[in-house]
N, C-alpha and C. Protein backbone atom coordinates (compact mmCIF):
# COMPACT_ATOMS: atom_id res chain seq x y z
N UNK A 1 94.77 79.25 101.22
CA UNK A 1 95.59 79.87 100.90
C UNK A 1 94.70 80.84 99.55
N UNK A 2 94.46 82.18 99.53
CA UNK A 2 93.71 83.24 98.58
C UNK A 2 94.88 83.79 98.09
N UNK A 3 94.92 84.44 96.31
CA UNK A 3 95.93 85.06 96.21
C UNK A 3 94.73 86.14 95.84
N UNK A 4 95.93 87.80 96.54
CA UNK A 4 94.82 88.86 95.72
C UNK A 4 95.07 90.16 95.42
N UNK A 5 95.05 90.05 93.98
CA UNK A 5 95.89 91.00 93.26
C UNK A 5 95.44 92.36 94.29
N UNK A 6 96.12 93.82 93.51
CA UNK A 6 96.29 95.18 94.22
C UNK A 6 96.12 95.16 93.43
N UNK A 7 95.16 96.92 93.25
CA UNK A 7 95.12 97.95 92.38
C UNK A 7 95.38 99.36 93.13
N UNK A 8 96.43 100.35 93.76
CA UNK A 8 96.42 101.32 93.73
C UNK A 8 96.62 102.33 93.56
N UNK A 9 95.13 102.99 93.65
CA UNK A 9 95.18 104.41 92.69
C UNK A 9 95.46 105.61 93.28
N UNK A 10 96.09 106.28 92.07
CA UNK A 10 96.40 107.61 92.55
C UNK A 10 95.80 108.69 91.55
N UNK A 11 94.95 109.16 91.46
CA UNK A 11 94.88 110.13 90.48
C UNK A 11 94.30 110.00 88.92
N UNK A 12 93.76 107.94 89.12
CA UNK A 12 93.28 107.28 88.33
C UNK A 12 93.55 106.60 87.89
N UNK A 13 94.68 106.73 88.00
CA UNK A 13 95.35 105.69 87.85
C UNK A 13 95.94 104.68 88.96
N UNK A 14 96.51 103.15 87.54
CA UNK A 14 97.41 102.66 89.10
C UNK A 14 98.82 103.25 89.08
N UNK A 15 98.87 102.75 90.20
CA UNK A 15 100.11 103.01 90.29
C UNK A 15 101.14 101.87 91.88
N UNK A 16 102.66 101.76 91.79
CA UNK A 16 102.53 101.74 93.57
C UNK A 16 103.73 102.75 93.92
N UNK A 17 103.41 102.05 95.70
CA UNK A 17 104.92 103.14 95.67
C UNK A 17 105.58 102.06 96.95
N UNK A 18 107.25 102.71 96.65
CA UNK A 18 108.10 101.74 98.08
C UNK A 18 107.36 102.38 99.38
N UNK A 19 107.20 101.63 100.12
CA UNK A 19 107.54 101.50 101.31
C UNK A 19 106.24 102.60 101.56
N UNK A 20 105.12 102.87 100.97
CA UNK A 20 103.96 103.75 100.83
C UNK A 20 104.94 105.20 100.79
N UNK A 21 105.22 105.51 100.06
CA UNK A 21 105.85 106.93 99.89
C UNK A 21 105.32 107.43 98.63
N UNK A 22 104.57 108.97 98.60
CA UNK A 22 103.61 108.96 97.34
C UNK A 22 104.79 109.88 96.56
N UNK A 23 105.72 109.97 97.15
CA UNK A 23 107.39 110.47 96.03
C UNK A 23 108.04 109.80 95.68
N UNK A 24 108.14 108.35 95.79
CA UNK A 24 108.24 107.63 95.12
C UNK A 24 107.22 106.39 94.60
N UNK A 25 106.76 106.65 93.33
CA UNK A 25 105.76 105.83 92.76
C UNK A 25 105.70 105.61 91.33
N UNK A 26 105.47 104.25 90.75
CA UNK A 26 105.55 104.35 89.35
C UNK A 26 104.31 103.73 89.03
N UNK A 27 104.21 104.05 87.88
CA UNK A 27 103.05 103.97 87.43
C UNK A 27 102.83 103.05 86.21
N UNK A 28 101.29 102.58 86.34
CA UNK A 28 101.40 101.12 85.98
C UNK A 28 99.71 101.11 84.41
N UNK A 29 99.45 102.27 84.71
CA UNK A 29 98.35 102.80 83.40
C UNK A 29 97.03 102.29 84.27
N UNK A 30 96.28 101.91 83.03
CA UNK A 30 95.12 102.10 83.24
C UNK A 30 94.47 100.94 84.43
N UNK A 31 93.50 101.34 85.45
CA UNK A 31 92.98 100.60 86.91
C UNK A 31 92.47 99.44 86.19
N UNK A 32 90.79 100.21 85.30
CA UNK A 32 89.65 98.87 84.75
C UNK A 32 90.52 98.10 84.07
N UNK A 33 91.43 98.35 82.78
CA UNK A 33 92.28 97.16 82.56
C UNK A 33 93.51 96.32 83.01
N UNK A 34 93.48 96.76 84.16
CA UNK A 34 93.97 95.73 84.82
C UNK A 34 93.09 95.23 85.42
N UNK A 35 92.67 95.94 86.43
CA UNK A 35 91.12 94.50 86.78
C UNK A 35 90.70 93.62 85.83
N UNK A 36 90.12 94.02 84.52
CA UNK A 36 89.36 93.29 83.54
C UNK A 36 90.87 91.65 83.75
N UNK A 37 92.28 91.70 83.92
CA UNK A 37 92.62 90.91 83.46
C UNK A 37 93.08 90.21 84.02
N UNK A 38 93.15 90.45 85.96
CA UNK A 38 93.27 89.56 87.31
C UNK A 38 92.16 89.06 87.31
N UNK A 39 90.61 89.72 86.79
CA UNK A 39 89.67 88.91 87.01
C UNK A 39 89.26 87.34 86.13
N UNK A 40 90.44 87.69 85.21
CA UNK A 40 90.37 85.99 84.46
C UNK A 40 90.27 85.01 85.26
N UNK A 41 91.77 85.23 86.45
CA UNK A 41 91.49 84.72 87.14
C UNK A 41 91.06 83.97 88.77
N UNK A 42 91.15 85.23 89.21
CA UNK A 42 90.36 85.63 90.47
C UNK A 42 89.22 86.12 91.01
N UNK A 43 88.64 86.27 92.35
CA UNK A 43 87.21 86.52 92.73
C UNK A 43 87.28 87.51 93.73
N UNK A 44 88.71 88.09 93.73
CA UNK A 44 87.96 89.83 94.76
C UNK A 44 89.95 89.86 94.42
N UNK A 45 89.85 91.74 94.14
CA UNK A 45 91.06 92.52 94.35
C UNK A 45 90.92 93.57 95.50
N UNK A 46 91.77 93.75 95.80
CA UNK A 46 92.47 94.32 96.88
C UNK A 46 92.05 96.01 96.10
N UNK A 47 91.61 96.95 96.44
CA UNK A 47 92.36 98.60 96.08
C UNK A 47 92.06 99.69 96.79
N UNK A 48 93.76 100.68 97.28
CA UNK A 48 93.82 101.26 97.77
C UNK A 48 93.28 102.56 96.85
N UNK A 49 92.92 103.49 97.76
CA UNK A 49 92.48 104.99 97.09
C UNK A 49 93.73 105.49 97.88
N UNK A 50 94.99 105.28 97.03
CA UNK A 50 95.90 106.30 97.93
C UNK A 50 95.69 107.77 98.05
N UNK A 51 95.14 108.31 97.10
CA UNK A 51 94.40 109.72 97.20
C UNK A 51 93.92 109.85 98.72
N UNK A 52 92.72 108.82 98.79
CA UNK A 52 92.18 109.26 100.08
C UNK A 52 92.90 108.56 101.63
N UNK A 53 93.84 107.87 100.90
CA UNK A 53 94.32 107.27 102.35
C UNK A 53 94.90 109.06 102.85
N UNK A 54 96.38 109.77 101.36
CA UNK A 54 96.51 110.86 102.34
C UNK A 54 96.04 112.06 102.16
N UNK A 55 94.71 111.86 102.19
CA UNK A 55 93.95 113.54 102.36
C UNK A 55 92.77 112.91 103.22
N UNK A 56 92.26 112.01 104.24
CA UNK A 56 91.61 111.75 104.79
C UNK A 56 89.67 111.26 103.96
N UNK A 57 89.77 111.25 102.54
CA UNK A 57 88.57 110.81 102.34
C UNK A 57 88.46 110.42 100.95
N UNK A 58 87.49 109.39 100.68
CA UNK A 58 87.61 108.55 99.18
C UNK A 58 88.22 109.57 98.00
N UNK A 59 89.10 109.43 97.54
CA UNK A 59 88.79 110.58 96.18
C UNK A 59 88.50 109.70 94.32
N UNK A 60 88.37 108.28 94.79
CA UNK A 60 88.44 107.80 94.12
C UNK A 60 87.41 106.17 93.36
N UNK A 61 86.19 106.89 93.84
CA UNK A 61 85.16 106.27 94.19
C UNK A 61 84.36 105.78 92.59
N UNK A 62 84.22 106.79 91.86
CA UNK A 62 84.01 107.02 90.57
C UNK A 62 84.78 105.52 90.02
N UNK A 63 86.37 105.76 89.94
CA UNK A 63 87.08 104.31 89.10
C UNK A 63 86.34 102.87 89.64
N UNK A 64 86.48 103.14 90.63
CA UNK A 64 86.44 102.01 91.50
C UNK A 64 85.01 101.60 91.19
N UNK A 65 83.86 102.33 91.30
CA UNK A 65 82.62 101.79 90.88
C UNK A 65 82.23 100.91 89.67
N UNK A 66 83.44 101.78 88.33
CA UNK A 66 83.21 101.59 87.19
C UNK A 66 84.10 99.51 87.03
N UNK A 67 85.00 99.93 88.22
CA UNK A 67 85.50 97.94 87.41
C UNK A 67 84.48 97.39 89.04
N UNK A 68 83.52 97.58 89.40
CA UNK A 68 83.23 97.07 89.99
C UNK A 68 81.77 96.50 89.00
N UNK A 69 81.80 97.70 88.16
CA UNK A 69 80.42 96.89 87.46
C UNK A 69 80.65 96.38 85.75
N UNK A 70 82.51 96.72 85.25
CA UNK A 70 82.51 95.84 84.28
C UNK A 70 83.55 94.15 84.11
N UNK A 71 83.50 93.91 85.66
CA UNK A 71 83.87 92.67 85.92
C UNK A 71 82.81 92.18 87.11
N UNK A 72 83.06 90.75 87.06
CA UNK A 72 82.71 89.52 88.18
C UNK A 72 82.81 89.79 89.89
N UNK A 73 84.30 90.33 89.62
CA UNK A 73 84.75 90.14 90.95
C UNK A 73 84.11 90.56 91.97
N UNK A 74 84.16 90.53 92.90
CA UNK A 74 84.46 91.26 94.52
C UNK A 74 85.75 92.08 94.76
N UNK A 75 84.92 93.49 95.77
CA UNK A 75 86.71 94.08 95.52
C UNK A 75 86.36 94.46 96.93
N UNK A 76 87.24 94.64 97.94
CA UNK A 76 87.36 95.06 99.13
C UNK A 76 88.65 96.87 98.77
N UNK A 77 87.75 98.00 99.35
CA UNK A 77 88.54 98.87 99.68
C UNK A 77 89.49 99.80 100.39
N UNK A 78 90.00 100.13 100.29
CA UNK A 78 90.51 101.46 101.76
C UNK A 78 90.96 102.02 101.35
N UNK A 79 91.25 103.69 102.60
CA UNK A 79 92.22 104.91 101.99
C UNK A 79 91.75 105.73 102.22
N UNK A 80 91.40 106.17 103.22
CA UNK A 80 90.89 107.59 103.17
C UNK A 80 88.58 107.48 104.54
N UNK A 81 89.00 106.02 104.39
CA UNK A 81 87.40 105.64 104.74
C UNK A 81 87.04 106.00 106.35
N UNK A 82 87.57 107.20 106.70
CA UNK A 82 86.79 107.74 108.18
C UNK A 82 86.04 107.74 108.83
N UNK A 83 85.36 108.23 107.40
CA UNK A 83 83.84 108.58 108.14
C UNK A 83 82.04 107.41 107.55
N UNK A 84 81.46 107.70 108.41
CA UNK A 84 79.79 107.06 108.55
C UNK A 84 79.51 106.73 106.72
N UNK A 85 79.18 108.06 106.11
CA UNK A 85 79.02 108.03 104.87
C UNK A 85 79.45 107.98 104.21
N UNK A 86 81.26 108.07 103.82
CA UNK A 86 82.29 107.68 103.13
C UNK A 86 82.23 106.13 103.14
N UNK A 87 81.74 105.50 104.39
CA UNK A 87 81.37 103.75 103.98
C UNK A 87 80.17 103.32 103.57
N UNK A 88 79.33 103.93 103.46
CA UNK A 88 78.44 103.85 103.36
C UNK A 88 77.99 103.66 101.79
N UNK A 89 79.14 105.19 101.59
CA UNK A 89 78.43 105.33 99.69
C UNK A 89 79.48 103.86 98.93
N UNK A 90 80.55 103.34 99.81
CA UNK A 90 81.27 102.65 99.32
C UNK A 90 80.50 101.81 98.83
N UNK A 91 79.62 101.24 100.29
CA UNK A 91 78.77 99.75 100.26
C UNK A 91 78.04 99.86 99.21
N UNK A 92 77.59 101.29 98.87
CA UNK A 92 76.10 101.47 97.79
C UNK A 92 76.50 101.15 96.31
N UNK A 93 77.55 101.11 95.85
CA UNK A 93 78.58 100.96 94.77
C UNK A 93 78.60 99.98 94.54
N UNK A 94 78.44 98.73 95.83
CA UNK A 94 79.17 97.34 95.63
C UNK A 94 79.87 97.13 96.19
N UNK A 95 80.71 98.01 96.60
CA UNK A 95 82.16 97.11 98.00
C UNK A 95 81.42 96.06 98.49
N UNK A 96 82.44 94.83 98.59
CA UNK A 96 82.80 93.43 99.52
C UNK A 96 82.72 94.11 100.51
N UNK A 97 84.10 94.56 100.85
CA UNK A 97 84.43 94.79 101.97
C UNK A 97 85.15 96.26 102.07
N UNK A 98 85.46 97.14 103.55
CA UNK A 98 85.35 98.27 102.87
C UNK A 98 86.51 97.83 104.38
N UNK A 99 88.18 98.47 104.09
CA UNK A 99 89.33 98.70 104.96
C UNK A 99 89.00 99.39 105.60
N UNK A 100 89.07 99.91 107.16
CA UNK A 100 88.71 100.89 107.55
C UNK A 100 90.35 101.01 108.90
N UNK A 101 91.08 101.83 108.70
CA UNK A 101 92.46 101.87 109.53
C UNK A 101 92.57 102.61 110.58
N UNK A 102 92.94 104.35 110.61
CA UNK A 102 92.49 105.52 111.66
C UNK A 102 91.60 105.58 112.68
N UNK A 103 90.32 104.87 111.56
CA UNK A 103 88.94 105.49 112.14
C UNK A 103 88.96 104.41 113.09
N UNK A 104 89.89 103.05 113.17
CA UNK A 104 88.63 102.31 113.86
C UNK A 104 89.84 102.68 115.78
N UNK A 105 90.49 103.64 115.47
CA UNK A 105 90.18 103.39 117.48
C UNK A 105 89.77 104.78 117.47
N UNK A 106 88.92 105.13 116.46
CA UNK A 106 87.22 105.77 117.64
C UNK A 106 86.46 104.84 117.78
N UNK A 107 86.28 103.70 118.74
CA UNK A 107 85.30 103.15 119.33
C UNK A 107 84.32 102.78 119.46
N UNK A 108 83.28 104.55 119.17
CA UNK A 108 82.12 104.15 119.25
C UNK A 108 82.22 104.68 118.05
N UNK A 109 82.90 105.38 116.88
CA UNK A 109 82.76 105.32 115.30
C UNK A 109 82.65 103.31 114.98
N UNK A 110 83.52 102.81 115.43
CA UNK A 110 83.55 101.57 114.66
C UNK A 110 82.71 100.90 115.22
N UNK A 111 81.77 100.82 116.45
CA UNK A 111 81.00 99.77 116.94
C UNK A 111 79.45 100.17 116.12
N UNK A 112 79.28 101.01 115.35
CA UNK A 112 78.44 102.37 114.93
C UNK A 112 78.06 101.65 113.31
N UNK A 113 79.91 101.32 112.55
CA UNK A 113 79.55 100.94 111.43
C UNK A 113 79.75 99.60 111.22
N UNK A 114 79.97 99.15 112.21
CA UNK A 114 80.45 97.09 112.14
C UNK A 114 79.00 96.65 112.45
N UNK A 115 78.30 97.99 113.18
CA UNK A 115 76.67 97.16 113.48
C UNK A 115 75.69 97.64 112.56
N UNK A 116 76.33 98.69 111.32
CA UNK A 116 75.51 99.07 110.20
C UNK A 116 75.43 97.91 109.15
N UNK A 117 77.06 97.99 109.33
CA UNK A 117 77.57 96.86 107.39
C UNK A 117 78.55 95.72 107.85
N UNK A 118 78.67 94.59 107.42
CA UNK A 118 78.62 93.97 107.61
C UNK A 118 79.98 94.01 106.68
N UNK A 119 80.92 92.86 106.81
CA UNK A 119 82.62 92.78 106.43
C UNK A 119 83.53 94.40 106.41
N UNK A 120 83.33 94.57 107.60
CA UNK A 120 83.28 95.59 107.74
C UNK A 120 85.36 94.62 108.21
N UNK A 121 86.36 95.28 107.40
CA UNK A 121 87.88 95.44 107.83
C UNK A 121 89.06 95.69 108.42
N UNK A 122 89.71 95.68 109.13
CA UNK A 122 90.40 96.53 109.55
C UNK A 122 91.68 96.52 108.99
N UNK A 123 92.27 97.50 109.17
CA UNK A 123 93.31 97.37 108.33
C UNK A 123 94.84 96.97 110.15
N UNK A 124 95.90 97.09 110.10
CA UNK A 124 96.73 96.24 111.09
C UNK A 124 97.68 97.21 110.33
N UNK A 125 98.56 97.77 110.58
CA UNK A 125 99.35 98.83 109.30
C UNK A 125 100.64 98.39 110.61
N UNK A 126 101.90 97.51 110.30
CA UNK A 126 102.70 97.35 111.31
C UNK A 126 104.00 97.39 110.36
N UNK A 127 104.89 98.30 111.20
CA UNK A 127 106.17 98.73 111.56
C UNK A 127 106.51 98.34 112.91
N UNK A 128 107.42 97.07 113.26
CA UNK A 128 108.16 96.77 114.44
C UNK A 128 107.33 96.42 115.51
N UNK A 129 106.71 96.26 114.54
CA UNK A 129 105.46 95.35 116.81
C UNK A 129 104.44 96.75 116.75
N UNK A 130 104.52 98.13 115.73
CA UNK A 130 103.88 99.01 116.14
C UNK A 130 102.57 99.50 115.09
N UNK A 131 101.73 99.93 115.44
CA UNK A 131 100.92 100.77 114.17
C UNK A 131 101.41 101.89 113.90
N UNK A 132 101.47 102.08 112.25
CA UNK A 132 100.72 103.21 112.07
C UNK A 132 100.02 103.93 111.48
N UNK A 133 99.67 105.48 111.59
CA UNK A 133 98.09 105.50 111.23
C UNK A 133 98.34 106.81 109.96
N UNK A 134 96.74 106.84 109.74
CA UNK A 134 97.42 108.22 108.97
C UNK A 134 97.45 108.14 107.30
N UNK A 135 97.37 107.70 107.04
CA UNK A 135 98.06 106.98 105.53
C UNK A 135 99.03 106.33 105.78
N UNK A 136 100.01 105.80 106.97
CA UNK A 136 101.33 105.24 107.19
C UNK A 136 102.36 106.97 107.77
N UNK A 137 101.78 107.61 108.04
CA UNK A 137 102.40 109.08 107.70
C UNK A 137 102.59 109.46 109.15
N UNK A 138 102.16 108.40 110.05
CA UNK A 138 102.14 108.49 111.33
C UNK A 138 102.41 107.60 111.99
N UNK A 139 103.60 107.64 113.10
CA UNK A 139 103.64 106.55 113.47
C UNK A 139 103.30 106.28 115.35
N UNK A 140 102.74 105.38 116.02
CA UNK A 140 102.37 105.28 117.00
C UNK A 140 102.89 104.31 118.19
N UNK A 141 102.63 104.81 119.32
CA UNK A 141 102.95 103.12 120.33
C UNK A 141 102.56 102.41 120.88
N UNK A 142 101.38 101.65 119.85
CA UNK A 142 100.62 100.99 120.10
C UNK A 142 100.55 99.64 119.68
N UNK A 143 100.53 98.88 120.09
CA UNK A 143 100.92 97.55 119.71
C UNK A 143 100.09 96.47 119.53
N UNK A 144 100.04 96.35 118.04
CA UNK A 144 99.43 95.59 117.07
C UNK A 144 98.59 94.38 117.72
N UNK A 145 99.03 93.68 118.72
CA UNK A 145 98.56 92.64 119.34
C UNK A 145 97.78 93.36 121.05
N UNK A 146 97.84 94.27 121.10
CA UNK A 146 96.93 95.24 121.99
C UNK A 146 95.89 95.20 120.70
N UNK A 147 96.04 96.04 120.44
CA UNK A 147 95.00 96.49 119.42
C UNK A 147 94.17 95.72 118.74
N UNK A 148 94.48 94.14 118.10
CA UNK A 148 94.09 92.73 117.43
C UNK A 148 93.00 93.34 119.07
N UNK A 149 93.15 92.71 119.90
CA UNK A 149 92.43 92.10 121.47
C UNK A 149 91.37 93.28 121.26
N UNK A 150 91.51 94.42 120.91
CA UNK A 150 90.63 95.75 121.38
C UNK A 150 89.52 95.49 120.35
N UNK A 151 90.07 95.29 118.81
CA UNK A 151 89.36 95.34 117.74
C UNK A 151 87.98 94.30 117.59
N UNK A 152 88.66 92.97 118.02
CA UNK A 152 88.01 91.80 117.62
C UNK A 152 87.16 91.54 118.24
N UNK A 153 86.78 92.58 119.62
CA UNK A 153 85.12 92.27 119.84
C UNK A 153 83.98 93.25 118.19
N UNK A 154 84.72 93.81 117.31
CA UNK A 154 84.22 93.49 116.66
C UNK A 154 83.82 93.67 115.15
N UNK A 155 84.96 92.84 114.61
CA UNK A 155 85.28 92.58 113.46
C UNK A 155 85.78 91.36 113.26
N UNK A 156 85.62 90.38 112.67
CA UNK A 156 86.77 89.37 112.38
C UNK A 156 87.24 88.86 111.44
N UNK A 157 87.53 89.62 110.82
CA UNK A 157 88.50 89.94 109.51
C UNK A 157 89.60 91.68 110.09
N UNK A 158 90.54 91.06 108.96
CA UNK A 158 91.35 91.61 109.25
C UNK A 158 92.87 91.83 108.03
N UNK A 159 93.42 92.83 108.24
CA UNK A 159 94.74 93.01 106.83
C UNK A 159 96.25 93.09 107.99
N UNK A 160 96.90 92.18 107.74
CA UNK A 160 97.90 93.00 108.49
C UNK A 160 99.11 93.28 107.38
N UNK A 161 99.60 93.89 107.65
CA UNK A 161 100.09 94.75 106.93
C UNK A 161 101.66 95.41 107.63
N UNK A 162 102.96 94.42 106.47
CA UNK A 162 104.38 95.09 107.11
C UNK A 162 104.77 96.05 106.25
N UNK A 163 104.92 97.09 107.41
CA UNK A 163 104.64 98.75 105.52
C UNK A 163 106.59 98.69 105.05
N UNK A 164 107.03 98.24 105.89
CA UNK A 164 108.40 98.18 105.95
C UNK A 164 108.87 97.00 104.44
N UNK A 165 107.90 96.51 104.17
CA UNK A 165 108.19 95.63 102.95
C UNK A 165 107.33 96.12 101.62
N UNK A 166 106.13 96.85 102.52
CA UNK A 166 105.59 97.02 101.08
C UNK A 166 106.42 97.35 99.85
N UNK A 167 105.94 96.92 98.44
CA UNK A 167 106.32 97.57 97.51
C UNK A 167 107.62 97.12 96.88
N UNK A 168 108.26 96.32 98.48
CA UNK A 168 109.81 96.45 98.00
C UNK A 168 110.16 95.03 97.58
N UNK A 169 109.25 94.24 97.20
CA UNK A 169 109.41 92.99 96.23
C UNK A 169 110.65 92.25 97.46
N UNK A 170 111.05 92.45 98.38
CA UNK A 170 111.98 91.87 99.12
C UNK A 170 112.04 90.29 100.23
N UNK A 171 110.29 90.26 99.79
CA UNK A 171 109.95 88.84 100.30
C UNK A 171 109.30 88.77 101.82
N UNK A 172 108.86 88.07 102.15
CA UNK A 172 107.86 88.12 103.77
C UNK A 172 108.32 87.95 105.02
N UNK A 173 108.73 88.20 105.90
CA UNK A 173 108.86 87.86 107.31
C UNK A 173 108.38 86.37 107.34
N UNK A 174 109.12 85.48 108.35
CA UNK A 174 108.89 85.24 108.91
C UNK A 174 109.25 84.49 109.78
N UNK A 175 108.82 85.91 110.81
CA UNK A 175 109.15 85.66 112.04
C UNK A 175 107.66 86.69 112.74
N UNK A 176 106.60 86.81 112.62
CA UNK A 176 105.52 86.88 112.46
C UNK A 176 104.89 85.48 113.35
N UNK A 177 104.74 85.63 114.50
CA UNK A 177 103.53 85.36 115.36
C UNK A 177 102.42 84.94 114.90
N UNK A 178 101.87 83.87 114.85
CA UNK A 178 100.22 84.06 114.88
C UNK A 178 99.31 84.72 116.41
N UNK A 179 98.91 85.35 116.57
CA UNK A 179 98.27 85.82 117.99
C UNK A 179 96.55 85.60 117.32
N UNK A 180 96.14 85.04 116.43
CA UNK A 180 95.09 85.64 116.47
C UNK A 180 94.25 83.99 116.36
N UNK A 181 93.01 83.87 116.50
CA UNK A 181 92.21 82.69 116.49
C UNK A 181 91.93 82.16 115.45
N UNK A 182 90.04 82.38 114.99
CA UNK A 182 89.63 82.20 113.91
C UNK A 182 89.08 82.55 113.41
N UNK A 183 90.14 83.98 113.34
CA UNK A 183 89.64 85.57 112.80
C UNK A 183 90.02 85.29 111.39
N UNK A 184 90.18 86.17 110.18
CA UNK A 184 90.25 85.76 108.89
C UNK A 184 91.47 86.52 108.31
N UNK A 185 92.67 86.66 108.63
CA UNK A 185 94.02 87.60 108.73
C UNK A 185 94.30 86.88 107.17
N UNK A 186 94.31 88.26 106.21
CA UNK A 186 95.30 88.27 105.41
C UNK A 186 96.69 89.28 104.99
N UNK A 187 97.06 89.24 104.14
CA UNK A 187 98.77 89.66 104.70
C UNK A 187 98.87 90.17 103.42
N UNK A 188 99.80 90.80 103.79
CA UNK A 188 100.17 92.26 102.43
C UNK A 188 101.64 93.08 103.27
N UNK A 189 102.54 92.98 102.01
CA UNK A 189 104.01 93.73 102.26
C UNK A 189 104.71 92.54 101.50
N UNK A 190 105.29 92.81 100.68
CA UNK A 190 106.73 92.46 99.73
C UNK A 190 106.83 91.19 99.26
N UNK A 191 104.62 90.48 99.47
CA UNK A 191 105.36 89.09 98.43
C UNK A 191 105.39 88.54 97.12
N UNK A 192 106.19 87.68 97.37
CA UNK A 192 106.55 87.78 95.57
C UNK A 192 107.12 86.64 95.07
N UNK A 193 106.79 85.30 95.57
CA UNK A 193 106.53 84.22 94.82
C UNK A 193 106.20 83.36 95.64
N UNK A 194 106.31 81.94 95.05
CA UNK A 194 104.98 80.68 95.74
C UNK A 194 105.83 80.43 96.97
N UNK A 195 106.92 80.77 97.36
CA UNK A 195 107.87 80.39 99.00
C UNK A 195 107.31 81.20 99.69
N UNK A 196 107.02 82.37 99.28
CA UNK A 196 106.41 83.24 100.43
C UNK A 196 104.91 83.32 100.56
N UNK A 197 104.10 82.49 99.73
CA UNK A 197 102.21 82.23 99.48
C UNK A 197 102.79 80.77 100.82
N UNK A 198 103.72 80.60 101.05
CA UNK A 198 104.08 78.68 101.61
C UNK A 198 103.82 79.40 103.26
N UNK A 199 104.98 80.21 103.04
CA UNK A 199 105.80 80.65 104.52
C UNK A 199 104.40 81.46 105.07
N UNK A 200 103.21 82.24 104.96
CA UNK A 200 101.80 83.01 105.74
C UNK A 200 101.42 81.76 105.55
N UNK A 201 100.88 80.57 104.61
CA UNK A 201 99.64 80.03 104.86
C UNK A 201 100.42 79.10 106.44
N UNK A 202 101.39 79.01 106.31
CA UNK A 202 101.78 78.60 107.62
C UNK A 202 101.92 78.84 109.10
N UNK A 203 101.87 80.13 108.79
CA UNK A 203 101.93 80.79 109.44
C UNK A 203 100.61 80.87 110.14
N UNK A 204 99.10 80.81 109.05
CA UNK A 204 98.04 80.49 109.57
C UNK A 204 96.91 81.59 108.37
N UNK A 205 97.62 82.47 107.82
CA UNK A 205 96.59 83.69 107.27
C UNK A 205 95.97 83.05 105.97
N UNK A 206 95.13 83.74 105.99
CA UNK A 206 93.52 82.93 104.51
C UNK A 206 93.75 83.35 103.27
N UNK A 207 94.86 84.41 103.02
CA UNK A 207 94.94 85.26 101.88
C UNK A 207 96.29 86.30 101.90
N UNK A 208 96.92 86.17 100.80
CA UNK A 208 97.91 87.65 100.33
C UNK A 208 97.64 88.13 99.43
N UNK A 209 98.13 89.39 99.81
CA UNK A 209 97.89 90.38 98.54
C UNK A 209 98.84 90.53 97.96
N UNK A 210 99.01 91.04 96.73
CA UNK A 210 100.04 91.41 96.26
C UNK A 210 100.31 92.02 94.51
N UNK A 211 100.84 93.08 95.41
CA UNK A 211 100.97 94.02 93.80
C UNK A 211 102.40 94.55 93.31
N UNK A 212 103.49 94.41 93.43
CA UNK A 212 104.68 95.41 92.42
C UNK A 212 104.76 93.38 92.22
N UNK A 213 104.98 92.75 92.67
CA UNK A 213 105.74 91.47 91.78
C UNK A 213 104.86 90.74 90.74
N UNK A 214 103.03 91.40 90.89
CA UNK A 214 102.92 91.06 89.98
C UNK A 214 102.82 92.01 88.61
N UNK A 215 102.94 92.91 88.38
CA UNK A 215 103.74 94.13 87.89
C UNK A 215 104.71 94.13 87.25
N UNK A 216 105.54 94.21 87.89
CA UNK A 216 107.36 93.66 87.50
C UNK A 216 107.18 92.35 86.94
N UNK A 217 106.84 91.48 86.65
CA UNK A 217 106.31 90.40 85.94
C UNK A 217 107.44 89.40 87.02
N UNK A 218 107.59 89.76 88.65
CA UNK A 218 108.23 88.24 88.85
C UNK A 218 107.57 87.52 89.50
N UNK A 219 105.88 87.15 89.03
CA UNK A 219 105.23 86.33 89.99
C UNK A 219 104.23 86.55 88.54
N UNK A 220 103.39 85.25 88.43
CA UNK A 220 102.40 84.49 87.58
C UNK A 220 101.54 84.54 87.91
N UNK A 221 100.31 85.80 87.97
CA UNK A 221 98.84 85.11 88.54
C UNK A 221 98.05 83.71 88.54
N UNK A 222 98.59 83.71 87.04
CA UNK A 222 97.23 82.45 86.67
C UNK A 222 98.33 81.45 87.66
N UNK A 223 99.86 81.32 86.94
CA UNK A 223 100.87 80.12 87.88
C UNK A 223 100.18 80.04 89.93
N UNK A 224 99.88 81.60 89.66
CA UNK A 224 99.70 81.34 91.48
C UNK A 224 99.09 80.80 91.53
N UNK A 225 97.65 80.85 90.87
CA UNK A 225 96.28 80.72 91.62
C UNK A 225 95.77 79.20 91.12
N UNK A 226 96.77 78.42 89.82
CA UNK A 226 96.81 77.38 89.71
C UNK A 226 97.25 76.58 90.65
N UNK A 227 98.16 76.39 91.39
CA UNK A 227 98.58 75.92 92.56
C UNK A 227 97.66 76.26 93.68
């Protein structure tokens, strides 16, 4: 089980939202400093360009580039990557994994980018078994399992986000049933402690994204990584 600390960017600052609500945020300061602190313990950081997610195109590439240049960690990044050019720019600056959500529903586009770039990751943003799109602003009737059956033809890496638990510190759901095989699945949403990590490992997740619990002192990344 890999612990993946998260940095959410808005207006160049590290923030955390409550259930994805941009009007309910808390700022945590300089993302570069935070990334350097995380880099002492992990080899991968999860970055979300919240401005990009809401506006439909990445807005914080320079900040992400600086993090990559000044730390030794790999970076996975999502938030507004809905065009070929935006994905190319991310890989050009050294991003290891580009995460796409809404754009994945265009299968012609999905085939093009997964053929051109390795490690494209699809974000399955889930609420009550259905997917949410466009920065979680829109609900859909799309069943997560059916979507996965389509998407797995194009990539083997996914992030499963429980949008109702994201930023809540409420812990993870124990009701998730594994529906994938050897694909790499990473979980996000409400991860708070070692117990949550064990639950996710038992389900079959390979990694867990942690944000607010680390920022609020509910969990210590050094201790989690050591264990």
